[in-house]
PDB file of N, CA and C in Angstrom:
ATOM      1  N   MET A   1      36.261  77.618  57.650  1.00  0.00           N
ATOM      2  CA  MET A   1      35.391  77.734  58.789  1.00  0.00           C
ATOM      3  C   MET A   1      36.158  77.682  60.093  1.00  0.00           C
ATOM      4  N   LEU A   2      35.585  78.287  61.072  1.00  0.00           N
ATOM      5  CA  LEU A   2      36.205  78.307  62.390  1.00  0.00           C
ATOM      6  C   LEU A   2      35.807  77.057  63.164  1.00  0.00           C
ATOM      7  N   GLU A   3      36.801  76.303  63.582  1.00  0.00           N
ATOM      8  CA  GLU A   3      36.538  75.110  64.371  1.00  0.00           C
ATOM      9  C   GLU A   3      36.959  75.356  65.813  1.00  0.00           C
ATOM     10  N   VAL A   4      36.089  74.995  66.722  1.00  0.00           N
ATOM     11  CA  VAL A   4      36.375  75.141  68.144  1.00  0.00           C
ATOM     12  C   VAL A   4      36.363  73.753  68.760  1.00  0.00           C
ATOM     13  N   SER A   5      37.462  73.405  69.378  1.00  0.00           N
ATOM     14  CA  SER A   5      37.547  72.078  69.998  1.00  0.00           C
ATOM     15  C   SER A   5      37.030  72.135  71.429  1.00  0.00           C
ATOM     16  N   ARG A   6      36.785  70.978  71.983  1.00  0.00           N
ATOM     17  CA  ARG A   6      36.336  70.910  73.373  1.00  0.00           C
ATOM     18  C   ARG A   6      37.407  71.401  74.322  1.00  0.00           C
ATOM     19  N   THR A   7      38.648  71.191  73.977  1.00  0.00           N
ATOM     20  CA  THR A   7      39.751  71.661  74.811  1.00  0.00           C
ATOM     21  C   THR A   7      39.744  73.178  74.911  1.00  0.00           C
ATOM     22  N   ASP A   8      39.502  73.859  73.787  1.00  0.00           N
ATOM     23  CA  ASP A   8      39.445  75.318  73.799  1.00  0.00           C
ATOM     24  C   ASP A   8      38.327  75.815  74.705  1.00  0.00           C
ATOM     25  N   CYS A   9      37.177  75.158  74.643  1.00  0.00           N
ATOM     26  CA  CYS A   9      36.035  75.545  75.486  1.00  0.00           C
ATOM     27  C   CYS A   9      36.345  75.306  76.957  1.00  0.00           C
ATOM     28  N   GLY A  10      37.015  74.202  77.265  1.00  0.00           N
ATOM     29  CA  GLY A  10      37.362  73.893  78.645  1.00  0.00           C
ATOM     30  C   GLY A  10      38.335  74.897  79.231  1.00  0.00           C
ATOM     31  N   VAL A  11      39.312  75.289  78.446  1.00  0.00           N
ATOM     32  CA  VAL A  11      40.298  76.280  78.896  1.00  0.00           C
ATOM     33  C   VAL A  11      39.614  77.619  79.112  1.00  0.00           C
ATOM     34  N   SER A  12      38.714  77.989  78.221  1.00  0.00           N
ATOM     35  CA  SER A  12      37.978  79.245  78.366  1.00  0.00           C
ATOM     36  C   SER A  12      37.113  79.225  79.612  1.00  0.00           C
ATOM     37  N   ALA A  13      36.485  78.098  79.902  1.00  0.00           N
ATOM     38  CA  ALA A  13      35.641  77.984  81.087  1.00  0.00           C
ATOM     39  C   ALA A  13      36.469  78.144  82.358  1.00  0.00           C
ATOM     40  N   VAL A  14      37.643  77.535  82.399  1.00  0.00           N
ATOM     41  CA  VAL A  14      38.529  77.676  83.562  1.00  0.00           C
ATOM     42  C   VAL A  14      38.913  79.136  83.748  1.00  0.00           C
ATOM     43  N   TRP A  15      39.217  79.825  82.657  1.00  0.00           N
ATOM     44  CA  TRP A  15      39.608  81.228  82.707  1.00  0.00           C
ATOM     45  C   TRP A  15      38.459  82.084  83.245  1.00  0.00           C
ATOM     46  N   VAL A  16      37.249  81.860  82.753  1.00  0.00           N
ATOM     47  CA  VAL A  16      36.085  82.638  83.188  1.00  0.00           C
ATOM     48  C   VAL A  16      35.799  82.384  84.664  1.00  0.00           C
ATOM     49  N   PHE A  17      35.776  81.118  85.090  1.00  0.00           N
ATOM     50  CA  PHE A  17      35.485  80.805  86.487  1.00  0.00           C
ATOM     51  C   PHE A  17      36.579  81.320  87.424  1.00  0.00           C
ATOM     52  N   ALA A  18      37.815  81.304  86.987  1.00  0.00           N
ATOM     53  CA  ALA A  18      38.903  81.844  87.804  1.00  0.00           C
ATOM     54  C   ALA A  18      38.721  83.345  88.001  1.00  0.00           C
ATOM     55  N   ASN A  19      38.326  84.041  86.942  1.00  0.00           N
ATOM     56  CA  ASN A  19      38.090  85.483  87.050  1.00  0.00           C
ATOM     57  C   ASN A  19      36.922  85.789  87.982  1.00  0.00           C
ATOM     58  N   LEU A  20      35.835  85.054  87.852  1.00  0.00           N
ATOM     59  CA  LEU A  20      34.674  85.272  88.725  1.00  0.00           C
ATOM     60  C   LEU A  20      35.025  84.993  90.183  1.00  0.00           C
ATOM     61  N   SER A  21      35.762  83.916  90.413  1.00  0.00           N
ATOM     62  CA  SER A  21      36.142  83.554  91.768  1.00  0.00           C
ATOM     63  C   SER A  21      37.062  84.608  92.386  1.00  0.00           C
ATOM     64  N   PHE A  22      38.058  85.044  91.634  1.00  0.00           N
ATOM     65  CA  PHE A  22      38.994  86.052  92.136  1.00  0.00           C
ATOM     66  C   PHE A  22      38.266  87.354  92.438  1.00  0.00           C
ATOM     67  N   THR A  23      37.349  87.752  91.555  1.00  0.00           N
ATOM     68  CA  THR A  23      36.596  88.986  91.750  1.00  0.00           C
ATOM     69  C   THR A  23      35.762  88.915  93.021  1.00  0.00           C
ATOM     70  N   ALA A  24      35.067  87.795  93.238  1.00  0.00           N
ATOM     71  CA  ALA A  24      34.244  87.646  94.432  1.00  0.00           C
ATOM     72  C   ALA A  24      35.094  87.640  95.698  1.00  0.00           C
ATOM     73  N   MET A  25      36.223  86.928  95.670  1.00  0.00           N
ATOM     74  CA  MET A  25      37.096  86.891  96.847  1.00  0.00           C
ATOM     75  C   MET A  25      37.638  88.280  97.167  1.00  0.00           C
ATOM     76  N   ARG A  26      37.967  89.054  96.153  1.00  0.00           N
ATOM     77  CA  ARG A  26      38.491  90.401  96.370  1.00  0.00           C
ATOM     78  C   ARG A  26      37.403  91.333  96.898  1.00  0.00           C
ATOM     79  N   ALA A  27      36.217  91.275  96.312  1.00  0.00           N
ATOM     80  CA  ALA A  27      35.128  92.158  96.737  1.00  0.00           C
ATOM     81  C   ALA A  27      34.676  91.853  98.159  1.00  0.00           C
ATOM     82  N   GLN A  28      34.707  90.589  98.539  1.00  0.00           N
ATOM     83  CA  GLN A  28      34.268  90.199  99.875  1.00  0.00           C
ATOM     84  C   GLN A  28      35.415  90.146 100.883  1.00  0.00           C
ATOM     85  N   ALA A  29      36.635  90.340 100.428  1.00  0.00           N
ATOM     86  CA  ALA A  29      37.828  90.271 101.294  1.00  0.00           C
ATOM     87  C   ALA A  29      37.872  88.939 102.030  1.00  0.00           C
ATOM     88  N   ARG A  30      37.598  87.858 101.294  1.00  0.00           N
ATOM     89  CA  ARG A  30      37.603  86.514 101.860  1.00  0.00           C
ATOM     90  C   ARG A  30      38.461  85.599 101.009  1.00  0.00           C
ATOM     91  N   GLY A  31      38.707  84.418 101.514  1.00  0.00           N
ATOM     92  CA  GLY A  31      39.486  83.426 100.779  1.00  0.00           C
ATOM     93  C   GLY A  31      40.916  83.383 101.259  1.00  0.00           C
ATOM     94  N   SER A  32      41.478  82.190 101.202  1.00  0.00           N
ATOM     95  CA  SER A  32      42.855  82.029 101.651  1.00  0.00           C
ATOM     96  C   SER A  32      43.823  82.548 100.592  1.00  0.00           C
ATOM     97  N   THR A  33      45.026  82.791 101.002  1.00  0.00           N
ATOM     98  CA  THR A  33      46.055  83.278 100.084  1.00  0.00           C
ATOM     99  C   THR A  33      46.304  82.278  98.967  1.00  0.00           C
ATOM    100  N   PHE A  34      46.289  81.002  99.293  1.00  0.00           N
ATOM    101  CA  PHE A  34      46.515  79.961  98.291  1.00  0.00           C
ATOM    102  C   PHE A  34      45.499  80.064  97.155  1.00  0.00           C
ATOM    103  N   TRP A  35      44.196  80.144  97.495  1.00  0.00           N
ATOM    104  CA  TRP A  35      43.162  80.193  96.469  1.00  0.00           C
ATOM    105  C   TRP A  35      43.200  81.499  95.689  1.00  0.00           C
ATOM    106  N   ARG A  36      43.545  82.592  96.344  1.00  0.00           N
ATOM    107  CA  ARG A  36      43.655  83.869  95.620  1.00  0.00           C
ATOM    108  C   ARG A  36      44.775  83.817  94.590  1.00  0.00           C
ATOM    109  N   VAL A  37      45.913  83.281  94.978  1.00  0.00           N
ATOM    110  CA  VAL A  37      47.045  83.179  94.053  1.00  0.00           C
ATOM    111  C   VAL A  37      46.710  82.224  92.907  1.00  0.00           C
ATOM    112  N   LEU A  38      46.106  81.094  93.221  1.00  0.00           N
ATOM    113  CA  LEU A  38      45.743  80.118  92.205  1.00  0.00           C
ATOM    114  C   LEU A  38      44.762  80.710  91.188  1.00  0.00           C
ATOM    115  N   THR A  39      43.709  81.366  91.666  1.00  0.00           N
ATOM    116  CA  THR A  39      42.745  81.958  90.738  1.00  0.00           C
ATOM    117  C   THR A  39      43.351  83.120  89.971  1.00  0.00           C
ATOM    118  N   PHE A  40      44.258  83.859  90.594  1.00  0.00           N
ATOM    119  CA  PHE A  40      44.921  84.958  89.885  1.00  0.00           C
ATOM    120  C   PHE A  40      45.720  84.422  88.699  1.00  0.00           C
ATOM    121  N   VAL A  41      46.456  83.355  88.923  1.00  0.00           N
ATOM    122  CA  VAL A  41      47.288  82.770  87.864  1.00  0.00           C
ATOM    123  C   VAL A  41      46.432  82.213  86.736  1.00  0.00           C
ATOM    124  N   PHE A  42      45.389  81.449  87.070  1.00  0.00           N
ATOM    125  CA  PHE A  42      44.549  80.844  86.030  1.00  0.00           C
ATOM    126  C   PHE A  42      43.677  81.861  85.307  1.00  0.00           C
ATOM    127  N   GLY A  43      43.389  82.980  85.949  1.00  0.00           N
ATOM    128  CA  GLY A  43      42.540  83.991  85.321  1.00  0.00           C
ATOM    129  C   GLY A  43      43.287  85.139  84.684  1.00  0.00           C
ATOM    130  N   PHE A  44      44.614  85.125  84.746  1.00  0.00           N
ATOM    131  CA  PHE A  44      45.409  86.211  84.185  1.00  0.00           C
ATOM    132  C   PHE A  44      45.173  86.322  82.685  1.00  0.00           C
ATOM    133  N   PRO A  45      45.023  87.469  82.106  1.00  0.00           N
ATOM    134  CA  PRO A  45      45.213  88.838  82.569  1.00  0.00           C
ATOM    135  C   PRO A  45      43.949  89.505  83.100  1.00  0.00           C
ATOM    136  N   GLY A  46      42.808  88.824  83.044  1.00  0.00           N
ATOM    137  CA  GLY A  46      41.570  89.416  83.545  1.00  0.00           C
ATOM    138  C   GLY A  46      41.628  89.725  85.024  1.00  0.00           C
ATOM    139  N   THR A  47      42.317  88.890  85.782  1.00  0.00           N
ATOM    140  CA  THR A  47      42.429  89.114  87.219  1.00  0.00           C
ATOM    141  C   THR A  47      43.304  90.326  87.527  1.00  0.00           C
ATOM    142  N   LEU A  48      44.209  90.660  86.643  1.00  0.00           N
ATOM    143  CA  LEU A  48      45.022  91.869  86.826  1.00  0.00           C
ATOM    144  C   LEU A  48      44.132  93.108  86.750  1.00  0.00           C
ATOM    145  N   LEU A  49      43.189  93.113  85.830  1.00  0.00           N
ATOM    146  CA  LEU A  49      42.231  94.207  85.727  1.00  0.00           C
ATOM    147  C   LEU A  49      41.391  94.288  87.002  1.00  0.00           C
ATOM    148  N   THR A  50      40.964  93.152  87.508  1.00  0.00           N
ATOM    149  CA  THR A  50      40.178  93.112  88.744  1.00  0.00           C
ATOM    150  C   THR A  50      40.971  93.663  89.912  1.00  0.00           C
ATOM    151  N   LEU A  51      42.252  93.364  89.951  1.00  0.00           N
ATOM    152  CA  LEU A  51      43.111  93.839  91.034  1.00  0.00           C
ATOM    153  C   LEU A  51      43.068  95.362  91.143  1.00  0.00           C
ATOM    154  N   PHE A  52      42.995  96.050  90.012  1.00  0.00           N
ATOM    155  CA  PHE A  52      42.974  97.512  90.004  1.00  0.00           C
ATOM    156  C   PHE A  52      41.558  98.084  90.048  1.00  0.00           C
ATOM    157  N   ALA A  53      40.563  97.354  89.542  1.00  0.00           N
ATOM    158  CA  ALA A  53      39.205  97.907  89.403  1.00  0.00           C
ATOM    159  C   ALA A  53      38.298  97.640  90.598  1.00  0.00           C
ATOM    160  N   VAL A  54      38.567  96.600  91.376  1.00  0.00           N
ATOM    161  CA  VAL A  54      37.685  96.222  92.479  1.00  0.00           C
ATOM    162  C   VAL A  54      38.390  96.510  93.806  1.00  0.00           C
ATOM    163  N   THR A  55      37.728  97.300  94.643  1.00  0.00           N
ATOM    164  CA  THR A  55      38.278  97.641  95.947  1.00  0.00           C
ATOM    165  C   THR A  55      38.089  96.465  96.904  1.00  0.00           C
ATOM    166  N   LYS A  56      39.154  96.090  97.576  1.00  0.00           N
ATOM    167  CA  LYS A  56      39.107  94.948  98.496  1.00  0.00           C
ATOM    168  C   LYS A  56      38.129  95.229  99.634  1.00  0.00           C
ATOM    169  N   GLY A  57      37.190  94.304  99.850  1.00  0.00           N
ATOM    170  CA  GLY A  57      36.222  94.427 100.926  1.00  0.00           C
ATOM    171  C   GLY A  57      35.048  95.344 100.637  1.00  0.00           C
ATOM    172  N   SER A  58      34.914  95.832  99.417  1.00  0.00           N
ATOM    173  CA  SER A  58      33.848  96.787  99.091  1.00  0.00           C
ATOM    174  C   SER A  58      32.487  96.131  98.890  1.00  0.00           C
ATOM    175  N   GLU A  59      32.456  94.823  98.706  1.00  0.00           N
ATOM    176  CA  GLU A  59      31.245  94.062  98.415  1.00  0.00           C
ATOM    177  C   GLU A  59      30.557  94.535  97.135  1.00  0.00           C
ATOM    178  N   ARG A  60      31.310  95.182  96.245  1.00  0.00           N
ATOM    179  CA  ARG A  60      30.835  95.571  94.909  1.00  0.00           C
ATOM    180  C   ARG A  60      31.939  95.270  93.913  1.00  0.00           C
ATOM    181  N   ALA A  61      31.538  94.660  92.790  1.00  0.00           N
ATOM    182  CA  ALA A  61      32.504  94.344  91.744  1.00  0.00           C
ATOM    183  C   ALA A  61      31.898  94.699  90.393  1.00  0.00           C
ATOM    184  N   TYR A  62      32.527  95.606  89.693  1.00  0.00           N
ATOM    185  CA  TYR A  62      32.075  96.026  88.360  1.00  0.00           C
ATOM    186  C   TYR A  62      30.618  96.483  88.380  1.00  0.00           C
ATOM    187  N   GLY A  63      30.204  97.185  89.432  1.00  0.00           N
ATOM    188  CA  GLY A  63      28.854  97.712  89.522  1.00  0.00           C
ATOM    189  C   GLY A  63      27.812  96.731  90.021  1.00  0.00           C
ATOM    190  N   ILE A  64      28.234  95.545  90.442  1.00  0.00           N
ATOM    191  CA  ILE A  64      27.311  94.511  90.919  1.00  0.00           C
ATOM    192  C   ILE A  64      27.583  94.268  92.403  1.00  0.00           C
ATOM    193  N   ASP A  65      26.519  94.229  93.209  1.00  0.00           N
ATOM    194  CA  ASP A  65      26.677  93.931  94.637  1.00  0.00           C
ATOM    195  C   ASP A  65      27.035  92.461  94.821  1.00  0.00           C
ATOM    196  N   VAL A  66      28.068  92.218  95.625  1.00  0.00           N
ATOM    197  CA  VAL A  66      28.492  90.857  95.949  1.00  0.00           C
ATOM    198  C   VAL A  66      28.513  90.751  97.470  1.00  0.00           C
ATOM    199  N   PRO A  67      27.321  90.723  98.105  1.00  0.00           N
ATOM    200  CA  PRO A  67      27.283  90.707  99.573  1.00  0.00           C
ATOM    201  C   PRO A  67      27.708  89.365 100.143  1.00  0.00           C
ATOM    202  N   ARG A  68      28.192  89.405 101.349  1.00  0.00           N
ATOM    203  CA  ARG A  68      28.550  88.168 102.040  1.00  0.00           C
ATOM    204  C   ARG A  68      27.277  87.433 102.424  1.00  0.00           C
ATOM    205  N   LYS A  69      27.326  86.121 102.428  1.00  0.00           N
ATOM    206  CA  LYS A  69      26.157  85.319 102.744  1.00  0.00           C
ATOM    207  C   LYS A  69      26.026  85.055 104.240  1.00  0.00           C
ATOM    208  N   SER A  70      27.099  85.164 104.977  1.00  0.00           N
ATOM    209  CA  SER A  70      27.034  84.881 106.407  1.00  0.00           C
ATOM    210  C   SER A  70      26.524  86.098 107.161  1.00  0.00           C
ATOM    211  N   GLY A  71      25.872  85.844 108.261  1.00  0.00           N
ATOM    212  CA  GLY A  71      25.376  86.939 109.083  1.00  0.00           C
ATOM    213  C   GLY A  71      24.057  86.561 109.725  1.00  0.00           C
ATOM    214  N   PRO A  72      23.599  87.361 110.679  1.00  0.00           N
ATOM    215  CA  PRO A  72      22.381  87.018 111.404  1.00  0.00           C
ATOM    216  C   PRO A  72      21.134  87.002 110.528  1.00  0.00           C
ATOM    217  N   GLN A  73      21.087  87.790 109.455  1.00  0.00           N
ATOM    218  CA  GLN A  73      19.890  87.819 108.628  1.00  0.00           C
ATOM    219  C   GLN A  73      19.701  86.528 107.847  1.00  0.00           C
ATOM    220  N   TYR A  74      20.714  85.681 107.731  1.00  0.00           N
ATOM    221  CA  TYR A  74      20.607  84.445 106.972  1.00  0.00           C
ATOM    222  C   TYR A  74      20.474  83.199 107.839  1.00  0.00           C
ATOM    223  N   GLU A  75      20.669  83.314 109.136  1.00  0.00           N
ATOM    224  CA  GLU A  75      20.677  82.136 110.001  1.00  0.00           C
ATOM    225  C   GLU A  75      19.337  81.417 110.052  1.00  0.00           C
ATOM    226  N   ASP A  76      18.219  82.140 110.074  1.00  0.00           N
ATOM    227  CA  ASP A  76      16.906  81.532 110.214  1.00  0.00           C
ATOM    228  C   ASP A  76      16.158  81.428 108.891  1.00  0.00           C
ATOM    229  N   ASP A  77      16.832  81.607 107.788  1.00  0.00           N
ATOM    230  CA  ASP A  77      16.186  81.549 106.477  1.00  0.00           C
ATOM    231  C   ASP A  77      15.887  80.100 106.113  1.00  0.00           C
ATOM    232  N   PRO A  78      14.594  79.715 105.959  1.00  0.00           N
ATOM    233  CA  PRO A  78      14.257  78.313 105.674  1.00  0.00           C
ATOM    234  C   PRO A  78      14.673  77.863 104.279  1.00  0.00           C
ATOM    235  N   ILE A  79      14.877  78.793 103.375  1.00  0.00           N
ATOM    236  CA  ILE A  79      15.258  78.424 102.003  1.00  0.00           C
ATOM    237  C   ILE A  79      16.690  77.924 101.955  1.00  0.00           C
ATOM    238  N   LEU A  80      17.557  78.519 102.750  1.00  0.00           N
ATOM    239  CA  LEU A  80      18.952  78.122 102.740  1.00  0.00           C
ATOM    240  C   LEU A  80      19.121  76.930 103.628  1.00  0.00           C
TER     241      LEU A  80
END
């Protein structure tokens, strides 16, 4: 039988979150260089694919809109 330890799940979660974070930072053209490099390293090789597939600042990643949250349309929103 296949046994999966908690450590394996934790490492996989870090990899997935690093990829999501790197993709969002690239699509929105935001984030400091430190965080981009850190997420790139922890998410490799998935982040390498993102580097080529997602246009920097396009606000779209893999066919999904990733709009920026800041702006005048969000300032008076009572939900946020």
